Amino acid sequence: MSNEIEQFLERQDEAVSALFLESKGDELTDILVAALEEAFEILLEAAPAETLH
């Protein structure tokens, strides 16, 4: 993993920790939902257009 990605993940972990400490559940939920939506979009782009049975 590149140093840039590691730094990004560390900053992301710090931001999530801060939200937990501040009891900002709604903001954290919004972040998690956005991350899941992005992950599903990436999976859909990587999936073949047709399925094989």
Protein backbone atom coordinates (compact mmCIF):
# COMPACT_ATOMS: atom_id res chain seq x y z
CA MET A 1 0.00 0.00 0.00
CA SER A 2 1.39 3.39 -0.88
CA ASN A 3 2.27 5.95 1.76
CA GLU A 4 -0.39 8.33 0.40
CA ILE A 5 -3.14 5.74 0.86
CA GLU A 6 -1.93 4.91 4.37
CA GLN A 7 -2.00 8.61 5.31
CA PHE A 8 -5.51 8.97 3.89
CA LEU A 9 -6.75 5.97 5.89
CA GLU A 10 -5.10 7.29 9.06
CA ARG A 11 -6.81 10.69 8.64
CA GLN A 12 -10.09 8.92 7.97
CA ASP A 13 -9.69 6.83 11.14
CA GLU A 14 -8.96 9.99 13.15
CA ALA A 15 -12.06 11.70 11.76
CA VAL A 16 -14.26 8.72 12.63
CA SER A 17 -12.80 8.57 16.14
CA ALA A 18 -13.50 12.28 16.63
CA LEU A 19 -17.12 11.79 15.56
CA PHE A 20 -17.52 8.96 18.07
CA LEU A 21 -16.06 11.09 20.84
CA GLU A 22 -18.39 13.98 19.98
CA SER A 23 -21.41 11.65 19.84
CA LYS A 24 -22.21 12.71 16.30
CA GLY A 25 -23.95 9.53 15.20
CA ASP A 26 -25.95 11.13 12.39
CA GLU A 27 -22.84 12.50 10.68
CA LEU A 28 -21.07 9.17 11.08
CA THR A 29 -24.06 7.34 9.62
CA ASP A 30 -24.06 9.69 6.61
CA ILE A 31 -20.35 9.03 6.05
CA LEU A 32 -20.82 5.26 6.28
CA VAL A 33 -23.82 5.28 3.92
CA ALA A 34 -21.88 7.34 1.38
CA ALA A 35 -18.93 4.94 1.62
CA LEU A 36 -21.23 1.94 1.07
CA GLU A 37 -22.87 3.60 -1.93
CA GLU A 38 -19.45 4.28 -3.45
CA ALA A 39 -18.36 0.70 -2.81
CA PHE A 40 -21.48 -0.65 -4.52
CA GLU A 41 -20.90 1.62 -7.53
CA ILE A 42 -17.33 0.32 -7.82
CA LEU A 43 -18.57 -3.28 -7.62
CA LEU A 44 -21.22 -2.64 -10.27
CA GLU A 45 -18.64 -1.13 -12.61
CA ALA A 46 -16.37 -4.15 -12.10
CA ALA A 47 -19.15 -6.71 -12.54
CA PRO A 48 -19.76 -8.18 -15.99
CA ALA A 49 -22.81 -6.86 -17.83
CA GLU A 50 -24.29 -10.34 -18.19
CA THR A 51 -24.31 -13.16 -15.69
CA LEU A 52 -23.49 -16.71 -16.63
CA HIS A 53 -25.66 -19.56 -15.38
